[in-house]
Amino acid sequence: MSVPEDEERLLPLVQRWPRASNFVLSGCAATVAELATFPLDLTKTRLQMQGEAALARLGDSAREATPYRGMVRTALGIVQEEGFLRLWQGVTPAIYRHVVYSGGRMVTYEHLREVVFRKNEDQHYPLWKSVIGGMFAGVVGQFLANPTDLVKVQMQMEGKRKLEGKPLRFRGVHHAFAKILAEGGIRGLWAGWVPNVQRAALVNMGDLTTYDTVKHYLVLNTTLEDNIMTHSLSSFCSGLVASILGTPADVIKSRIMNQPRDKQGRGLLYKSSTDCLIQAVQGEGFMSLYKGFLPSWLRMTPWSLVFWLTYEKIREMSGVNPF
């Protein structure tokens, strides 16, 4: 046995398998962030479904029966009508989703940054490279995580269906996966993947690109060091930009994923994400694309803060270089 092989065995796991380690570390950080902010995600999804004009074509009375509420009234309504713990309804598939999604996007982005595009000699990473890397990383991570995102969105609407007197569709997470697979096949698990990856590309251009750019700008051009203050400022900026860019695509994604489907898994309300966009603007106005923006932003900002602070700390504790 050669000496290099002996030395490699003595290295910590994070150095022997850096990409697998980054996947696990980012998944752990995403789990913490998701548990802390999930009630805001549920509130955002409920708001995005209210007043859905396309439901009128199916003769669905839910559009008229459900009063329009703001963020606070929607959240309080869930607690009063369904129970406090219902604010975490769908959190299990959400965690599944973020472990796959965050792991996939972080590994992809860092690989592009360190191996494909590479930083300049002065350690500066050009904005255009960061934009491309962030968008591509979002596409990869979200495509892998689409089945779990589909289940999450549909389970978040189960409480609303119960209040409207409709039968519940799922008994739990695994039943939801099995039912969607049985009704739509493998293809059914990737329903809505086009608007989903479009949203992920925009969100990651806001999140990853903004965080990476702002953080390294502060470190290289100000007196701030690579510490919790820099991480907090960078994550606040990334959360705001990600919400502005991602909310319209998030509305379209949520509606396509939650629409009723025929036996072949085809949507009954929308033919495509473009069709959903046109119907939403024509039937409800342009600002319907920003339904749920406030809870989305209020969730994205603390989510980014918790995720990045946790991720940077876990990397430090594990002996991995800062992001």
C-alpha atoms as a PDB file:
ATOM      1  CA  MET A   1       0.000   0.000   0.000  1.00  0.00           C
ATOM      2  CA  SER A   2       1.388   3.369  -1.018  1.00  0.00           C
ATOM      3  CA  VAL A   3       2.090   6.158   1.400  1.00  0.00           C
ATOM      4  CA  PRO A   4      -0.397   8.599  -0.164  1.00  0.00           C
ATOM      5  CA  GLU A   5      -3.190   6.054   0.372  1.00  0.00           C
ATOM      6  CA  ASP A   6      -2.196   5.701   4.030  1.00  0.00           C
ATOM      7  CA  GLU A   7      -2.213   9.464   4.465  1.00  0.00           C
ATOM      8  CA  GLU A   8      -5.591   9.771   2.743  1.00  0.00           C
ATOM      9  CA  ARG A   9      -7.141   7.359   5.244  1.00  0.00           C
ATOM     10  CA  LEU A  10      -6.016   9.606   8.086  1.00  0.00           C
ATOM     11  CA  LEU A  11      -7.716  12.658   6.624  1.00  0.00           C
ATOM     12  CA  PRO A  12     -11.076  13.772   8.064  1.00  0.00           C
ATOM     13  CA  LEU A  13     -14.158  12.642   6.130  1.00  0.00           C
ATOM     14  CA  VAL A  14     -14.911  16.188   4.971  1.00  0.00           C
ATOM     15  CA  GLN A  15     -11.540  16.286   3.209  1.00  0.00           C
ATOM     16  CA  ARG A  16     -11.732  12.768   1.800  1.00  0.00           C
ATOM     17  CA  TRP A  17     -15.224  13.287   0.354  1.00  0.00           C
ATOM     18  CA  PRO A  18     -15.646  17.071   0.101  1.00  0.00           C
ATOM     19  CA  ARG A  19     -18.686  17.163  -2.194  1.00  0.00           C
ATOM     20  CA  ALA A  20     -20.604  14.513  -0.284  1.00  0.00           C
ATOM     21  CA  SER A  21     -19.742  16.337   2.940  1.00  0.00           C
ATOM     22  CA  ASN A  22     -20.943  19.674   1.545  1.00  0.00           C
ATOM     23  CA  PHE A  23     -24.182  18.001   0.479  1.00  0.00           C
ATOM     24  CA  VAL A  24     -24.772  16.686   4.010  1.00  0.00           C
ATOM     25  CA  LEU A  25     -23.728  19.929   5.722  1.00  0.00           C
ATOM     26  CA  SER A  26     -25.989  22.073   3.555  1.00  0.00           C
ATOM     27  CA  GLY A  27     -28.843  19.603   4.112  1.00  0.00           C
ATOM     28  CA  CYS A  28     -28.436  19.935   7.893  1.00  0.00           C
ATOM     29  CA  ALA A  29     -28.416  23.731   7.692  1.00  0.00           C
ATOM     30  CA  ALA A  30     -31.491  23.702   5.434  1.00  0.00           C
ATOM     31  CA  THR A  31     -33.375  21.465   7.888  1.00  0.00           C
ATOM     32  CA  VAL A  32     -32.789  23.922  10.736  1.00  0.00           C
ATOM     33  CA  ALA A  33     -33.878  26.870   8.564  1.00  0.00           C
ATOM     34  CA  GLU A  34     -36.978  25.059   7.278  1.00  0.00           C
ATOM     35  CA  LEU A  35     -38.250  24.124  10.738  1.00  0.00           C
ATOM     36  CA  ALA A  36     -37.782  27.699  11.954  1.00  0.00           C
ATOM     37  CA  THR A  37     -39.617  29.407   9.080  1.00  0.00           C
ATOM     38  CA  PHE A  38     -42.098  26.842   7.730  1.00  0.00           C
ATOM     39  CA  PRO A  39     -45.286  28.529   9.098  1.00  0.00           C
ATOM     40  CA  LEU A  40     -44.545  31.519   6.869  1.00  0.00           C
ATOM     41  CA  ASP A  41     -44.153  29.202   3.874  1.00  0.00           C
ATOM     42  CA  LEU A  42     -47.545  27.619   4.584  1.00  0.00           C
ATOM     43  CA  THR A  43     -49.158  31.054   4.920  1.00  0.00           C
ATOM     44  CA  LYS A  44     -47.578  32.158   1.645  1.00  0.00           C
ATOM     45  CA  THR A  45     -48.900  29.095  -0.207  1.00  0.00           C
ATOM     46  CA  ARG A  46     -52.449  29.599   1.116  1.00  0.00           C
ATOM     47  CA  LEU A  47     -52.382  33.261   0.064  1.00  0.00           C
ATOM     48  CA  GLN A  48     -51.213  32.345  -3.440  1.00  0.00           C
ATOM     49  CA  MET A  49     -54.201  30.020  -3.911  1.00  0.00           C
ATOM     50  CA  GLN A  50     -56.844  32.558  -2.845  1.00  0.00           C
ATOM     51  CA  GLY A  51     -58.947  34.113  -5.580  1.00  0.00           C
ATOM     52  CA  GLU A  52     -57.648  31.723  -8.248  1.00  0.00           C
ATOM     53  CA  ALA A  53     -59.640  32.824 -11.308  1.00  0.00           C
ATOM     54  CA  ALA A  54     -59.165  29.581 -13.261  1.00  0.00           C
ATOM     55  CA  LEU A  55     -61.207  27.625 -10.690  1.00  0.00           C
ATOM     56  CA  ALA A  56     -64.373  29.245 -12.046  1.00  0.00           C
ATOM     57  CA  ARG A  57     -64.061  27.160 -15.219  1.00  0.00           C
ATOM     58  CA  LEU A  58     -64.551  23.995 -13.176  1.00  0.00           C
ATOM     59  CA  GLY A  59     -67.536  25.432 -11.338  1.00  0.00           C
ATOM     60  CA  ASP A  60     -65.549  25.392  -8.080  1.00  0.00           C
ATOM     61  CA  SER A  61     -67.314  27.501  -5.467  1.00  0.00           C
ATOM     62  CA  ALA A  62     -64.235  27.656  -3.241  1.00  0.00           C
ATOM     63  CA  ARG A  63     -63.060  30.833  -4.920  1.00  0.00           C
ATOM     64  CA  GLU A  64     -66.170  32.684  -3.762  1.00  0.00           C
ATOM     65  CA  ALA A  65     -66.496  30.877  -0.449  1.00  0.00           C
ATOM     66  CA  THR A  66     -62.997  31.665   0.786  1.00  0.00           C
ATOM     67  CA  PRO A  67     -62.689  35.277   1.975  1.00  0.00           C
ATOM     68  CA  TYR A  68     -59.546  37.070   0.908  1.00  0.00           C
ATOM     69  CA  ARG A  69     -57.200  37.502   3.853  1.00  0.00           C
ATOM     70  CA  GLY A  70     -53.883  39.163   4.399  1.00  0.00           C
ATOM     71  CA  MET A  71     -50.849  37.420   5.832  1.00  0.00           C
ATOM     72  CA  VAL A  72     -51.718  37.870   9.521  1.00  0.00           C
ATOM     73  CA  ARG A  73     -55.395  36.933   9.137  1.00  0.00           C
ATOM     74  CA  THR A  74     -54.476  33.887   7.073  1.00  0.00           C
ATOM     75  CA  ALA A  75     -52.015  32.665   9.704  1.00  0.00           C
ATOM     76  CA  LEU A  76     -54.453  33.333  12.562  1.00  0.00           C
ATOM     77  CA  GLY A  77     -57.216  31.637  10.572  1.00  0.00           C
ATOM     78  CA  ILE A  78     -55.117  28.483  10.214  1.00  0.00           C
ATOM     79  CA  VAL A  79     -54.472  28.416  13.968  1.00  0.00           C
ATOM     80  CA  GLN A  80     -58.129  29.099  14.911  1.00  0.00           C
ATOM     81  CA  GLU A  81     -59.773  26.848  12.322  1.00  0.00           C
ATOM     82  CA  GLU A  82     -57.272  24.005  12.037  1.00  0.00           C
ATOM     83  CA  GLY A  83     -55.008  24.152  15.096  1.00  0.00           C
ATOM     84  CA  PHE A  84     -51.578  25.549  15.937  1.00  0.00           C
ATOM     85  CA  LEU A  85     -49.626  22.497  14.783  1.00  0.00           C
ATOM     86  CA  ARG A  86     -51.236  22.798  11.342  1.00  0.00           C
ATOM     87  CA  LEU A  87     -48.822  25.655  10.712  1.00  0.00           C
ATOM     88  CA  TRP A  88     -46.286  22.869  10.136  1.00  0.00           C
ATOM     89  CA  GLN A  89     -48.542  20.811   7.867  1.00  0.00           C
ATOM     90  CA  GLY A  90     -46.364  19.474   5.052  1.00  0.00           C
ATOM     91  CA  VAL A  91     -43.081  20.117   6.877  1.00  0.00           C
ATOM     92  CA  THR A  92     -41.843  16.536   6.382  1.00  0.00           C
ATOM     93  CA  PRO A  93     -41.768  16.642   2.561  1.00  0.00           C
ATOM     94  CA  ALA A  94     -40.455  20.214   2.862  1.00  0.00           C
ATOM     95  CA  ILE A  95     -37.453  18.936   4.807  1.00  0.00           C
ATOM     96  CA  TYR A  96     -36.984  16.110   2.301  1.00  0.00           C
ATOM     97  CA  ARG A  97     -37.122  18.717  -0.449  1.00  0.00           C
ATOM     98  CA  HIS A  98     -34.606  21.064   1.113  1.00  0.00           C
ATOM     99  CA  VAL A  99     -32.098  18.325   1.903  1.00  0.00           C
ATOM    100  CA  VAL A 100     -32.063  17.343  -1.778  1.00  0.00           C
ATOM    101  CA  TYR A 101     -32.486  20.869  -3.150  1.00  0.00           C
ATOM    102  CA  SER A 102     -29.977  22.655  -0.921  1.00  0.00           C
ATOM    103  CA  GLY A 103     -27.468  19.830  -1.166  1.00  0.00           C
ATOM    104  CA  GLY A 104     -27.718  19.749  -4.948  1.00  0.00           C
ATOM    105  CA  ARG A 105     -27.505  23.496  -5.465  1.00  0.00           C
ATOM    106  CA  MET A 106     -24.626  24.095  -3.027  1.00  0.00           C
ATOM    107  CA  VAL A 107     -22.478  21.283  -4.415  1.00  0.00           C
ATOM    108  CA  THR A 108     -23.189  22.394  -7.995  1.00  0.00           C
ATOM    109  CA  TYR A 109     -22.451  26.077  -7.308  1.00  0.00           C
ATOM    110  CA  GLU A 110     -19.195  25.428  -5.477  1.00  0.00           C
ATOM    111  CA  HIS A 111     -18.047  22.994  -8.182  1.00  0.00           C
ATOM    112  CA  LEU A 112     -18.709  25.611 -10.861  1.00  0.00           C
ATOM    113  CA  ARG A 113     -16.993  28.325  -8.822  1.00  0.00           C
ATOM    114  CA  GLU A 114     -13.895  26.345  -7.845  1.00  0.00           C
ATOM    115  CA  VAL A 115     -13.393  24.041 -10.851  1.00  0.00           C
ATOM    116  CA  VAL A 116     -15.232  25.284 -13.944  1.00  0.00           C
ATOM    117  CA  PHE A 117     -15.250  29.100 -13.821  1.00  0.00           C
ATOM    118  CA  ARG A 118     -12.619  29.664 -11.110  1.00  0.00           C
ATOM    119  CA  LYS A 119     -11.936  32.901  -9.236  1.00  0.00           C
ATOM    120  CA  ASN A 120      -9.526  35.551 -10.503  1.00  0.00           C
ATOM    121  CA  GLU A 121      -6.002  35.700  -9.126  1.00  0.00           C
ATOM    122  CA  ASP A 122      -7.070  38.421  -6.669  1.00  0.00           C
ATOM    123  CA  GLN A 123      -9.798  36.021  -5.380  1.00  0.00           C
ATOM    124  CA  HIS A 124     -12.496  38.137  -7.026  1.00  0.00           C
ATOM    125  CA  TYR A 125     -15.354  36.135  -8.556  1.00  0.00           C
ATOM    126  CA  PRO A 126     -16.941  38.080 -11.458  1.00  0.00           C
ATOM    127  CA  LEU A 127     -20.649  38.801 -11.170  1.00  0.00           C
ATOM    128  CA  TRP A 128     -21.515  37.251 -14.520  1.00  0.00           C
ATOM    129  CA  LYS A 129     -19.939  33.963 -13.482  1.00  0.00           C
ATOM    130  CA  SER A 130     -21.815  34.048 -10.177  1.00  0.00           C
ATOM    131  CA  VAL A 131     -25.121  34.723 -11.959  1.00  0.00           C
ATOM    132  CA  ILE A 132     -24.681  31.792 -14.355  1.00  0.00           C
ATOM    133  CA  GLY A 133     -23.478  29.517 -11.563  1.00  0.00           C
ATOM    134  CA  GLY A 134     -26.352  30.478  -9.261  1.00  0.00           C
ATOM    135  CA  MET A 135     -29.029  29.948 -11.910  1.00  0.00           C
ATOM    136  CA  PHE A 136     -27.605  26.621 -13.080  1.00  0.00           C
ATOM    137  CA  ALA A 137     -27.210  25.389  -9.498  1.00  0.00           C
ATOM    138  CA  GLY A 138     -30.857  26.253  -8.826  1.00  0.00           C
ATOM    139  CA  VAL A 139     -32.001  24.343 -11.902  1.00  0.00           C
ATOM    140  CA  VAL A 140     -30.048  21.206 -10.921  1.00  0.00           C
ATOM    141  CA  GLY A 141     -31.111  21.267  -7.273  1.00  0.00           C
ATOM    142  CA  GLN A 142     -34.774  21.915  -8.006  1.00  0.00           C
ATOM    143  CA  PHE A 143     -35.102  19.332 -10.755  1.00  0.00           C
ATOM    144  CA  LEU A 144     -33.789  16.681  -8.366  1.00  0.00           C
ATOM    145  CA  ALA A 145     -36.135  17.846  -5.600  1.00  0.00           C
ATOM    146  CA  ASN A 146     -39.316  18.334  -7.678  1.00  0.00           C
ATOM    147  CA  PRO A 147     -41.193  15.234  -6.399  1.00  0.00           C
ATOM    148  CA  THR A 148     -40.792  16.315  -2.767  1.00  0.00           C
ATOM    149  CA  ASP A 149     -41.794  19.896  -3.618  1.00  0.00           C
ATOM    150  CA  LEU A 150     -44.934  18.627  -5.360  1.00  0.00           C
ATOM    151  CA  VAL A 151     -45.967  16.642  -2.282  1.00  0.00           C
ATOM    152  CA  LYS A 152     -45.195  19.586   0.009  1.00  0.00           C
ATOM    153  CA  VAL A 153     -47.422  22.011  -1.915  1.00  0.00           C
ATOM    154  CA  GLN A 154     -50.336  19.588  -2.135  1.00  0.00           C
ATOM    155  CA  MET A 155     -50.151  18.634   1.546  1.00  0.00           C
ATOM    156  CA  GLN A 156     -50.098  22.298   2.545  1.00  0.00           C
ATOM    157  CA  MET A 157     -53.551  22.667   0.980  1.00  0.00           C
ATOM    158  CA  GLU A 158     -55.106  19.679   2.763  1.00  0.00           C
ATOM    159  CA  GLY A 159     -56.303  21.752   5.741  1.00  0.00           C
ATOM    160  CA  LYS A 160     -58.063  24.176   3.388  1.00  0.00           C
ATOM    161  CA  ARG A 161     -59.785  21.277   1.586  1.00  0.00           C
ATOM    162  CA  LYS A 162     -61.051  19.933   4.906  1.00  0.00           C
ATOM    163  CA  LEU A 163     -62.591  23.287   5.834  1.00  0.00           C
ATOM    164  CA  GLU A 164     -64.300  23.459   2.425  1.00  0.00           C
ATOM    165  CA  GLY A 165     -65.886  20.059   3.045  1.00  0.00           C
ATOM    166  CA  LYS A 166     -63.802  18.288   0.416  1.00  0.00           C
ATOM    167  CA  PRO A 167     -62.322  14.826   1.021  1.00  0.00           C
ATOM    168  CA  LEU A 168     -58.657  14.738   1.991  1.00  0.00           C
ATOM    169  CA  ARG A 169     -56.390  13.427  -0.725  1.00  0.00           C
ATOM    170  CA  PHE A 170     -53.578  11.981   1.382  1.00  0.00           C
ATOM    171  CA  ARG A 171     -53.112  10.147   4.679  1.00  0.00           C
ATOM    172  CA  GLY A 172     -49.464  11.136   4.973  1.00  0.00           C
ATOM    173  CA  VAL A 173     -46.263  11.831   3.092  1.00  0.00           C
ATOM    174  CA  HIS A 174     -45.622   8.314   1.852  1.00  0.00           C
ATOM    175  CA  HIS A 175     -49.272   7.880   0.836  1.00  0.00           C
ATOM    176  CA  ALA A 176     -49.014  11.134  -1.117  1.00  0.00           C
ATOM    177  CA  PHE A 177     -45.956   9.884  -2.999  1.00  0.00           C
ATOM    178  CA  ALA A 178     -47.641   6.553  -3.709  1.00  0.00           C
ATOM    179  CA  LYS A 179     -50.911   8.125  -4.860  1.00  0.00           C
ATOM    180  CA  ILE A 180     -49.247  10.640  -7.186  1.00  0.00           C
ATOM    181  CA  LEU A 181     -47.076   7.858  -8.615  1.00  0.00           C
ATOM    182  CA  ALA A 182     -50.107   5.582  -9.121  1.00  0.00           C
ATOM    183  CA  GLU A 183     -52.211   8.277 -10.806  1.00  0.00           C
ATOM    184  CA  GLY A 184     -49.586   9.989 -12.940  1.00  0.00           C
ATOM    185  CA  GLY A 185     -46.661   7.598 -13.076  1.00  0.00           C
ATOM    186  CA  ILE A 186     -43.061   8.790 -12.817  1.00  0.00           C
ATOM    187  CA  ARG A 187     -44.013  11.739 -14.991  1.00  0.00           C
ATOM    188  CA  GLY A 188     -46.581  12.785 -12.400  1.00  0.00           C
ATOM    189  CA  LEU A 189     -43.865  13.294  -9.772  1.00  0.00           C
ATOM    190  CA  TRP A 190     -42.322  15.943 -12.011  1.00  0.00           C
ATOM    191  CA  ALA A 191     -45.574  17.827 -12.609  1.00  0.00           C
ATOM    192  CA  GLY A 192     -44.860  21.541 -12.647  1.00  0.00           C
ATOM    193  CA  TRP A 193     -41.110  21.046 -12.984  1.00  0.00           C
ATOM    194  CA  VAL A 194     -40.755  23.734 -15.669  1.00  0.00           C
ATOM    195  CA  PRO A 195     -42.050  26.670 -13.569  1.00  0.00           C
ATOM    196  CA  ASN A 196     -40.328  25.090 -10.592  1.00  0.00           C
ATOM    197  CA  VAL A 197     -36.861  25.194 -12.129  1.00  0.00           C
ATOM    198  CA  GLN A 198     -37.599  28.641 -13.575  1.00  0.00           C
ATOM    199  CA  ARG A 199     -38.366  29.858 -10.067  1.00  0.00           C
ATOM    200  CA  ALA A 200     -35.315  28.089  -8.626  1.00  0.00           C
ATOM    201  CA  ALA A 201     -33.058  29.703 -11.219  1.00  0.00           C
ATOM    202  CA  LEU A 202     -34.365  33.171 -10.296  1.00  0.00           C
ATOM    203  CA  VAL A 203     -34.319  32.525  -6.538  1.00  0.00           C
ATOM    204  CA  ASN A 204     -30.776  31.198  -6.623  1.00  0.00           C
ATOM    205  CA  MET A 205     -29.637  34.068  -8.793  1.00  0.00           C
ATOM    206  CA  GLY A 206     -30.961  36.199  -5.937  1.00  0.00           C
ATOM    207  CA  ASP A 207     -29.815  33.998  -3.061  1.00  0.00           C
ATOM    208  CA  LEU A 208     -26.520  32.325  -3.968  1.00  0.00           C
ATOM    209  CA  THR A 209     -25.298  35.044  -6.310  1.00  0.00           C
ATOM    210  CA  THR A 210     -26.186  37.901  -3.958  1.00  0.00           C
ATOM    211  CA  TYR A 211     -24.795  36.193  -0.850  1.00  0.00           C
ATOM    212  CA  ASP A 212     -21.536  35.210  -2.529  1.00  0.00           C
ATOM    213  CA  THR A 213     -21.087  38.606  -4.193  1.00  0.00           C
ATOM    214  CA  VAL A 214     -21.983  40.744  -1.181  1.00  0.00           C
ATOM    215  CA  LYS A 215     -19.956  38.637   1.248  1.00  0.00           C
ATOM    216  CA  HIS A 216     -16.764  38.702  -0.785  1.00  0.00           C
ATOM    217  CA  TYR A 217     -17.216  42.379  -1.617  1.00  0.00           C
ATOM    218  CA  LEU A 218     -17.449  43.194   2.097  1.00  0.00           C
ATOM    219  CA  VAL A 219     -14.447  41.025   2.947  1.00  0.00           C
ATOM    220  CA  LEU A 220     -12.244  42.342   0.134  1.00  0.00           C
ATOM    221  CA  ASN A 221     -13.296  46.024   0.135  1.00  0.00           C
ATOM    222  CA  THR A 222     -14.246  46.935   3.715  1.00  0.00           C
ATOM    223  CA  THR A 223     -12.864  46.463   7.190  1.00  0.00           C
ATOM    224  CA  LEU A 224     -15.338  43.663   7.880  1.00  0.00           C
ATOM    225  CA  GLU A 225     -13.935  40.166   8.288  1.00  0.00           C
ATOM    226  CA  ASP A 226     -15.429  36.803   7.386  1.00  0.00           C
ATOM    227  CA  ASN A 227     -17.580  36.612  10.507  1.00  0.00           C
ATOM    228  CA  ILE A 228     -21.186  36.520  11.692  1.00  0.00           C
ATOM    229  CA  MET A 229     -21.750  40.224  10.936  1.00  0.00           C
ATOM    230  CA  THR A 230     -20.679  39.783   7.319  1.00  0.00           C
ATOM    231  CA  HIS A 231     -22.744  36.612   7.001  1.00  0.00           C
ATOM    232  CA  SER A 232     -25.824  38.363   8.443  1.00  0.00           C
ATOM    233  CA  LEU A 233     -25.588  41.380   6.128  1.00  0.00           C
ATOM    234  CA  SER A 234     -25.030  39.151   3.105  1.00  0.00           C
ATOM    235  CA  SER A 235     -27.926  36.834   3.954  1.00  0.00           C
ATOM    236  CA  PHE A 236     -30.314  39.779   4.502  1.00  0.00           C
ATOM    237  CA  CYS A 237     -29.497  41.106   1.030  1.00  0.00           C
ATOM    238  CA  SER A 238     -29.821  37.666  -0.551  1.00  0.00           C
ATOM    239  CA  GLY A 239     -33.231  37.060   1.031  1.00  0.00           C
ATOM    240  CA  LEU A 240     -34.632  40.348  -0.263  1.00  0.00           C
ATOM    241  CA  VAL A 241     -33.350  39.933  -3.827  1.00  0.00           C
ATOM    242  CA  ALA A 242     -34.462  36.285  -3.962  1.00  0.00           C
ATOM    243  CA  SER A 243     -38.010  37.217  -2.905  1.00  0.00           C
ATOM    244  CA  ILE A 244     -38.327  39.990  -5.492  1.00  0.00           C
ATOM    245  CA  LEU A 245     -37.105  37.773  -8.321  1.00  0.00           C
ATOM    246  CA  GLY A 246     -38.782  34.545  -7.259  1.00  0.00           C
ATOM    247  CA  THR A 247     -42.302  35.424  -6.072  1.00  0.00           C
ATOM    248  CA  PRO A 248     -44.030  35.580  -9.524  1.00  0.00           C
ATOM    249  CA  ALA A 249     -42.553  32.227 -10.540  1.00  0.00           C
ATOM    250  CA  ASP A 250     -43.459  30.840  -7.101  1.00  0.00           C
ATOM    251  CA  VAL A 251     -47.137  31.804  -7.575  1.00  0.00           C
ATOM    252  CA  ILE A 252     -47.227  30.094 -10.977  1.00  0.00           C
ATOM    253  CA  LYS A 253     -45.403  27.039  -9.639  1.00  0.00           C
ATOM    254  CA  SER A 254     -47.738  26.617  -6.672  1.00  0.00           C
ATOM    255  CA  ARG A 255     -50.883  26.901  -8.801  1.00  0.00           C
ATOM    256  CA  ILE A 256     -49.705  24.432 -11.414  1.00  0.00           C
ATOM    257  CA  MET A 257     -48.678  21.920  -8.753  1.00  0.00           C
ATOM    258  CA  ASN A 258     -51.962  22.226  -6.843  1.00  0.00           C
ATOM    259  CA  GLN A 259     -54.353  22.083  -9.823  1.00  0.00           C
ATOM    260  CA  PRO A 260     -56.609  19.034 -10.299  1.00  0.00           C
ATOM    261  CA  ARG A 261     -55.450  16.511 -12.883  1.00  0.00           C
ATOM    262  CA  ASP A 262     -56.974  13.888 -15.174  1.00  0.00           C
ATOM    263  CA  LYS A 263     -56.066  10.216 -15.203  1.00  0.00           C
ATOM    264  CA  GLN A 264     -53.129  10.889 -17.509  1.00  0.00           C
ATOM    265  CA  GLY A 265     -51.689  13.399 -15.056  1.00  0.00           C
ATOM    266  CA  ARG A 266     -52.514  16.411 -17.235  1.00  0.00           C
ATOM    267  CA  GLY A 267     -53.653  19.604 -15.552  1.00  0.00           C
ATOM    268  CA  LEU A 268     -57.303  20.636 -15.861  1.00  0.00           C
ATOM    269  CA  LEU A 269     -56.755  24.362 -15.270  1.00  0.00           C
ATOM    270  CA  TYR A 270     -53.510  25.262 -17.029  1.00  0.00           C
ATOM    271  CA  LYS A 271     -51.798  23.938 -20.144  1.00  0.00           C
ATOM    272  CA  SER A 272     -48.401  25.339 -19.215  1.00  0.00           C
ATOM    273  CA  SER A 273     -46.676  27.865 -16.989  1.00  0.00           C
ATOM    274  CA  THR A 274     -47.196  30.506 -19.683  1.00  0.00           C
ATOM    275  CA  ASP A 275     -50.929  29.747 -19.774  1.00  0.00           C
ATOM    276  CA  CYS A 276     -51.085  30.029 -15.981  1.00  0.00           C
ATOM    277  CA  LEU A 277     -49.247  33.361 -16.124  1.00  0.00           C
ATOM    278  CA  ILE A 278     -51.636  34.761 -18.756  1.00  0.00           C
ATOM    279  CA  GLN A 279     -54.753  33.591 -16.900  1.00  0.00           C
ATOM    280  CA  ALA A 280     -53.533  35.030 -13.606  1.00  0.00           C
ATOM    281  CA  VAL A 281     -52.751  38.456 -15.092  1.00  0.00           C
ATOM    282  CA  GLN A 282     -55.942  38.626 -17.184  1.00  0.00           C
ATOM    283  CA  GLY A 283     -58.253  37.308 -14.472  1.00  0.00           C
ATOM    284  CA  GLU A 284     -56.719  38.845 -11.344  1.00  0.00           C
ATOM    285  CA  GLY A 285     -54.348  41.577 -12.479  1.00  0.00           C
ATOM    286  CA  PHE A 286     -50.551  41.851 -12.592  1.00  0.00           C
ATOM    287  CA  MET A 287     -50.174  42.165  -8.836  1.00  0.00           C
ATOM    288  CA  SER A 288     -51.651  38.677  -8.423  1.00  0.00           C
ATOM    289  CA  LEU A 289     -48.138  37.499  -9.311  1.00  0.00           C
ATOM    290  CA  TYR A 290     -46.993  39.004  -6.030  1.00  0.00           C
ATOM    291  CA  LYS A 291     -49.627  37.372  -3.841  1.00  0.00           C
ATOM    292  CA  GLY A 292     -47.874  36.132  -0.765  1.00  0.00           C
ATOM    293  CA  PHE A 293     -44.884  38.432  -1.302  1.00  0.00           C
ATOM    294  CA  LEU A 294     -44.835  39.722   2.290  1.00  0.00           C
ATOM    295  CA  PRO A 295     -44.775  36.272   3.951  1.00  0.00           C
ATOM    296  CA  SER A 296     -42.423  35.109   1.209  1.00  0.00           C
ATOM    297  CA  TRP A 297     -39.995  37.921   1.994  1.00  0.00           C
ATOM    298  CA  LEU A 298     -40.489  37.592   5.760  1.00  0.00           C
ATOM    299  CA  ARG A 299     -39.763  33.889   5.384  1.00  0.00           C
ATOM    300  CA  MET A 300     -36.934  34.151   2.871  1.00  0.00           C
ATOM    301  CA  THR A 301     -34.962  36.672   4.901  1.00  0.00           C
ATOM    302  CA  PRO A 302     -34.898  34.690   8.185  1.00  0.00           C
ATOM    303  CA  TRP A 303     -34.549  31.452   6.190  1.00  0.00           C
ATOM    304  CA  SER A 304     -31.462  32.831   4.467  1.00  0.00           C
ATOM    305  CA  LEU A 305     -30.154  34.168   7.771  1.00  0.00           C
ATOM    306  CA  VAL A 306     -30.622  30.860   9.611  1.00  0.00           C
ATOM    307  CA  PHE A 307     -29.357  28.789   6.692  1.00  0.00           C
ATOM    308  CA  TRP A 308     -26.205  30.784   5.982  1.00  0.00           C
ATOM    309  CA  LEU A 309     -25.253  31.298   9.617  1.00  0.00           C
ATOM    310  CA  THR A 310     -25.802  27.599  10.333  1.00  0.00           C
ATOM    311  CA  TYR A 311     -24.038  26.501   7.159  1.00  0.00           C
ATOM    312  CA  GLU A 312     -21.001  28.698   7.745  1.00  0.00           C
ATOM    313  CA  LYS A 313     -20.785  27.571  11.384  1.00  0.00           C
ATOM    314  CA  ILE A 314     -21.100  23.885  10.507  1.00  0.00           C
ATOM    315  CA  ARG A 315     -18.389  24.267   7.869  1.00  0.00           C
ATOM    316  CA  GLU A 316     -16.131  25.947  10.436  1.00  0.00           C
ATOM    317  CA  MET A 317     -16.766  23.214  13.028  1.00  0.00           C
ATOM    318  CA  SER A 318     -16.121  20.511  10.421  1.00  0.00           C
ATOM    319  CA  GLY A 319     -12.845  22.002   9.280  1.00  0.00           C
ATOM    320  CA  VAL A 320     -14.148  23.105   5.874  1.00  0.00           C
ATOM    321  CA  ASN A 321     -13.134  26.454   4.413  1.00  0.00           C
ATOM    322  CA  PRO A 322     -15.758  29.252   4.563  1.00  0.00           C
ATOM    323  CA  PHE A 323     -18.206  29.392   1.646  1.00  0.00           C
END
